[in-house]
Protein backbone atom coordinates (compact mmCIF):
# COMPACT_ATOMS: atom_id res chain seq x y z
CA MET A 1 -18.86 4.27 28.64
CA PHE A 2 -20.98 2.42 26.83
CA ASN A 3 -21.63 -1.03 27.98
CA GLU A 4 -25.08 -1.99 25.83
CA LYS A 5 -24.97 -4.57 23.35
CA LEU A 6 -27.12 -3.89 20.26
CA GLU A 7 -28.41 -5.57 16.94
CA LEU A 8 -29.59 -4.25 14.09
CA LYS A 9 -33.37 -3.35 15.10
CA ASP A 10 -31.50 -1.18 17.88
CA PHE A 11 -29.23 1.03 15.67
CA GLU A 12 -31.86 4.10 14.80
CA LYS A 13 -32.64 4.29 18.49
CA GLN A 14 -28.90 5.23 19.06
CA ASP A 15 -27.42 8.18 19.90
CA PRO A 16 -26.43 9.89 16.36
CA GLU A 17 -22.65 10.35 17.41
CA TYR A 18 -22.95 6.32 17.73
CA GLN A 19 -24.38 6.21 14.36
CA ASP A 20 -22.56 8.62 12.45
CA LEU A 21 -19.13 7.04 14.06
CA LEU A 22 -20.48 2.82 12.91
CA ARG A 23 -20.96 4.23 9.69
CA ARG A 24 -17.73 5.81 9.14
CA VAL A 25 -15.99 2.86 9.92
CA LEU A 26 -18.11 -0.08 8.25
CA ALA A 27 -17.14 2.51 5.06
CA ILE A 28 -13.48 2.70 5.84
CA GLN A 29 -13.27 -0.83 6.75
CA ALA A 30 -15.01 -2.37 3.30
CA ASP A 31 -12.81 -0.09 1.10
CA CYS A 32 -9.85 -1.19 3.05
CA GLU A 33 -10.54 -4.91 2.33
CA ILE A 34 -11.54 -4.06 -1.15
CA GLY A 35 -8.33 -1.84 -1.53
CA GLY A 36 -6.09 -4.70 -1.51
CA PRO A 37 -7.03 -6.44 -4.27
CA ASN A 38 -6.86 -3.40 -6.67
CA LEU A 39 -3.31 -2.64 -5.65
CA TYR A 40 -1.46 -6.12 -6.86
CA VAL A 41 -3.89 -8.20 -8.80
CA LYS A 42 -3.25 -6.47 -12.04
CA ASP A 43 0.44 -6.93 -11.80
CA ILE A 44 1.20 -9.53 -9.63
CA LEU A 45 -1.34 -12.06 -10.33
CA PRO A 46 0.04 -12.96 -13.75
CA ASN A 47 3.71 -12.29 -12.93
CA ALA A 48 4.12 -14.70 -9.64
CA PRO A 49 7.04 -16.50 -9.52
CA THR A 50 5.77 -20.03 -9.46
CA LYS A 51 2.02 -21.35 -10.23
CA VAL A 52 1.17 -22.10 -6.20
CA ASP A 53 2.45 -18.72 -5.99
CA GLN A 54 -0.01 -17.54 -8.61
CA LEU A 55 -2.78 -19.34 -6.81
CA ILE A 56 -2.31 -17.90 -3.42
CA VAL A 57 -2.32 -14.66 -4.78
CA ALA A 58 -5.64 -15.29 -6.42
CA ARG A 59 -6.65 -16.52 -3.16
CA THR A 60 -5.47 -14.31 -1.04
CA ALA A 61 -7.41 -11.36 -3.14
CA ALA A 62 -10.87 -13.71 -2.89
CA GLU A 63 -10.60 -13.84 1.00
CA GLU A 64 -10.37 -9.90 0.90
CA MET A 65 -13.26 -9.57 -1.68
CA ASP A 66 -15.35 -11.64 0.89
CA HIS A 67 -14.30 -9.69 3.70
CA TYR A 68 -15.45 -6.76 1.78
CA ARG A 69 -18.59 -8.60 1.07
CA LYS A 70 -18.96 -9.20 4.71
CA MET A 71 -18.56 -5.31 5.95
CA ALA A 72 -20.70 -4.29 2.75
CA LYS A 73 -23.24 -6.21 4.15
CA CYS A 74 -23.04 -4.92 7.38
CA ALA A 75 -23.18 -1.16 6.20
CA GLY A 76 -26.13 -1.81 3.96
CA ASP A 77 -28.07 -2.84 6.64
CA ILE A 78 -27.86 0.76 8.27
CA GLY A 79 -28.72 2.51 5.33
CA VAL A 80 -24.68 2.97 3.96
CA ASP A 81 -24.19 1.86 0.19
CA VAL A 82 -20.26 1.35 -0.26
CA SER A 83 -20.67 -0.43 -3.54
CA TYR A 84 -18.99 2.69 -4.73
CA VAL A 85 -15.26 2.00 -3.46
CA LEU A 86 -15.79 -1.07 -5.79
CA SER A 87 -15.15 0.89 -8.96
CA TRP A 88 -13.21 3.55 -7.06
CA PRO A 89 -9.59 4.97 -8.70
CA ASN A 90 -6.72 3.76 -5.98
CA GLN A 91 -6.10 7.16 -5.96
CA LYS A 92 -9.09 8.37 -3.69
CA ARG A 93 -8.93 5.13 -1.43
CA TYR A 94 -10.11 6.32 2.29
CA VAL A 95 -6.37 5.08 3.67
CA GLU A 96 -3.04 6.31 1.78
CA ALA A 97 -1.68 2.82 1.47
CA PHE A 98 -4.13 2.21 -0.52
CA ARG A 99 -3.92 4.50 -3.06
CA GLY A 100 -0.89 2.79 -5.13
CA GLN A 101 0.32 0.23 -7.09
CA ILE A 102 2.04 -3.14 -6.08
CA THR A 103 4.21 -4.12 -9.47
CA THR A 104 7.08 -5.89 -7.37
CA TRP A 105 6.90 -9.19 -5.93
CA GLU A 106 9.04 -7.89 -3.14
CA ASP A 107 6.62 -5.12 -2.31
CA PHE A 108 3.97 -8.05 -3.10
CA ALA A 109 5.69 -9.67 -0.01
CA VAL A 110 6.36 -6.76 2.22
CA PHE A 111 2.92 -5.65 2.01
CA GLY A 112 1.55 -9.04 3.45
CA PHE A 113 4.00 -9.14 5.81
CA LEU A 114 3.13 -4.90 7.00
CA ILE A 115 0.26 -3.89 5.44
CA ASP A 116 -1.80 -6.84 6.25
CA ARG A 117 -0.82 -6.84 9.86
CA VAL A 118 -2.22 -3.48 10.29
CA GLY A 119 -5.40 -4.78 8.91
CA ARG A 120 -5.35 -7.79 11.16
CA TYR A 121 -5.27 -5.27 14.17
CA GLN A 122 -8.14 -3.33 12.68
CA LEU A 123 -10.12 -6.01 12.24
CA GLU A 124 -9.13 -6.89 16.04
CA GLU A 125 -10.51 -3.69 17.11
CA PHE A 126 -14.15 -4.88 17.07
CA ILE A 127 -13.71 -8.01 18.99
CA GLY A 128 -15.92 -7.06 21.63
CA ALA A 129 -17.59 -4.36 19.75
CA SER A 130 -21.38 -2.78 21.07
CA TYR A 131 -22.83 -3.57 17.38
CA GLN A 132 -23.35 -7.26 17.31
CA PRO A 133 -23.61 -7.77 13.83
CA LEU A 134 -19.98 -6.06 13.03
CA ALA A 135 -18.73 -8.23 16.27
CA ARG A 136 -19.98 -11.40 14.68
CA ILE A 137 -18.02 -10.59 11.67
CA VAL A 138 -14.23 -10.29 13.22
CA GLU A 139 -15.54 -13.27 16.04
CA ASP A 140 -15.71 -15.70 13.22
CA PRO A 141 -12.49 -17.79 13.48
CA GLN A 142 -12.06 -17.62 9.80
CA VAL A 143 -12.14 -14.07 9.02
CA ILE A 144 -8.76 -13.51 11.64
CA ARG A 145 -7.30 -16.93 10.26
CA GLU A 146 -7.46 -15.77 6.64
CA GLU A 147 -5.84 -12.52 7.29
CA GLU A 148 -3.36 -14.22 9.37
CA GLY A 149 -2.58 -16.71 6.33
CA HIS A 150 -2.18 -13.37 4.16
CA ILE A 151 0.57 -12.04 7.02
CA ASP A 152 2.64 -15.50 7.33
CA PHE A 153 2.76 -15.50 3.55
CA GLY A 154 4.18 -12.34 3.41
CA THR A 155 6.33 -12.61 6.43
CA ASN A 156 7.88 -15.81 5.19
CA LYS A 157 8.69 -14.30 1.65
CA ALA A 158 10.32 -11.18 2.89
CA ALA A 159 12.60 -13.81 5.16
CA GLU A 160 13.33 -15.13 2.42
CA PHE A 161 14.20 -12.61 0.33
CA ALA A 162 16.26 -10.98 3.84
CA ALA A 163 17.76 -14.68 3.84
CA LYS A 164 19.22 -14.74 0.52
CA GLY A 165 21.61 -11.86 0.96
CA GLY A 166 23.28 -9.42 -1.70
CA GLU A 167 20.96 -7.64 -4.03
CA ALA A 168 17.76 -9.96 -2.75
CA LYS A 169 18.53 -8.55 0.36
CA GLU A 170 18.48 -4.86 -0.25
CA ARG A 171 15.36 -5.25 -2.74
CA ILE A 172 13.33 -6.54 0.13
CA GLN A 173 14.80 -3.70 2.50
CA GLY A 174 13.73 -1.43 -0.37
CA ALA A 175 10.01 -2.47 0.12
CA VAL A 176 10.12 -2.65 3.98
CA ASP A 177 11.74 1.18 3.64
CA ARG A 178 8.73 2.04 1.26
CA TRP A 179 5.89 0.42 3.35
CA TYR A 180 7.24 0.80 6.94
CA ALA A 181 5.56 4.64 7.07
CA LYS A 182 2.09 3.67 5.29
CA GLY A 183 1.84 1.02 7.87
CA LEU A 184 2.31 3.25 10.90
CA ASP A 185 0.08 5.88 9.50
CA MET A 186 -2.75 3.74 8.82
CA PHE A 187 -3.60 3.66 12.77
CA GLY A 188 -4.21 7.80 11.97
CA ARG A 189 -3.40 10.45 14.96
CA SER A 190 -2.17 9.23 18.54
CA GLU A 191 -3.96 12.05 19.33
CA SER A 192 -7.36 11.41 17.97
CA LYS A 193 -10.42 12.79 19.44
CA ARG A 194 -12.48 10.49 17.06
CA SER A 195 -10.71 7.24 18.35
CA GLU A 196 -11.69 8.19 22.06
CA ARG A 197 -15.19 8.35 21.12
CA TYR A 198 -14.99 4.92 19.33
CA MET A 199 -13.91 3.59 22.38
CA TYR A 200 -16.01 5.62 24.78
CA TRP A 201 -19.10 4.04 22.13
CA GLY A 202 -17.49 0.22 22.60
CA LEU A 203 -16.84 0.27 18.78
CA LYS A 204 -12.90 0.01 19.68
CA ARG A 205 -10.97 -1.22 21.79
CA ARG A 206 -7.57 0.94 21.65
CA THR A 207 -6.33 4.31 20.88
CA ASN A 208 -4.98 4.63 17.82
CA GLY A 209 -1.44 5.36 19.69
CA GLU A 210 -1.59 2.04 21.70
CA ALA A 211 -2.65 0.11 19.03
CA ARG A 212 0.40 1.43 16.75
CA ARG A 213 2.90 1.00 20.04
CA GLN A 214 2.00 -2.59 19.80
CA TYR A 215 2.39 -3.03 16.20
CA THR A 216 5.50 -1.77 15.90
CA GLU A 217 7.13 -3.60 18.50
CA GLU A 218 5.87 -6.26 16.61
CA VAL A 219 6.68 -5.41 13.39
CA ASN A 220 10.51 -4.07 14.46
CA GLY A 221 11.18 -7.55 16.28
CA LEU A 222 10.33 -9.33 13.47
CA LEU A 223 12.98 -7.01 11.29
CA LYS A 224 15.77 -7.70 13.48
CA GLN A 225 15.33 -11.20 13.02
CA MET A 226 15.34 -11.15 9.62
CA GLY A 227 18.58 -9.11 9.77
CA LEU A 228 17.05 -6.16 8.17
CA GLN A 229 17.07 -2.32 9.60
CA ILE A 230 14.42 -0.74 11.06
CA PRO A 231 13.31 2.22 8.89
CA ASP A 232 13.22 6.08 10.45
CA PRO A 233 9.50 5.80 11.68
CA ASN A 234 9.57 9.79 10.99
CA LYS A 235 10.40 9.83 7.85
CA GLY A 236 7.68 10.20 5.30
CA ARG A 237 4.66 10.16 8.06
CA LEU A 238 1.65 12.05 7.44
CA TYR A 239 0.36 10.82 10.94
CA THR A 240 2.14 11.08 14.55
């Protein structure tokens, strides 16, 4: 197990596998950060139910774009230009959950509830990472606090829809059904060899399977509290 703590000046001296894994994870993370706003800003921002909701959508997008900026700088410092993801069509995103379009308030709520929650898990992987510039990004309390804010807003909105019952509850259940498998798939393959190498090099803390298990327990408990049904975890999955 690799236990060193590295700075930018140490990067070029490292094993090629370490360099490749760090380049890869930074590119994917940067794409995920900018991928969210590209899903919902076009339709959700001008059509938010209230002016306060509209402000929250705008602030959420701005915070995610700032997270992209931080990851992009970290990547750029090691020679990885991730500016191409700014103009990518959604269909080209690294992660399937970001390849569509969000057009309903229910889907925006569940995106925050489920997908931004995966985002928090992804960021937590880098806490204490061997590459210190990356660790410092996520150990900044503001970054995790902002991500928690996105999650809380989505969770609260989803719970509000569920509590109304009737058609509102049916619509939010439909959104949960659409996004549940996408959230599980964001963790990748449970038996991923690459995931093991990330852990070996101190660039991640958990296996994909362990992170998914913790996420599933957390989300399923919240769905039960809302009185919503837990979707079949195997239906529509790309990775297990």
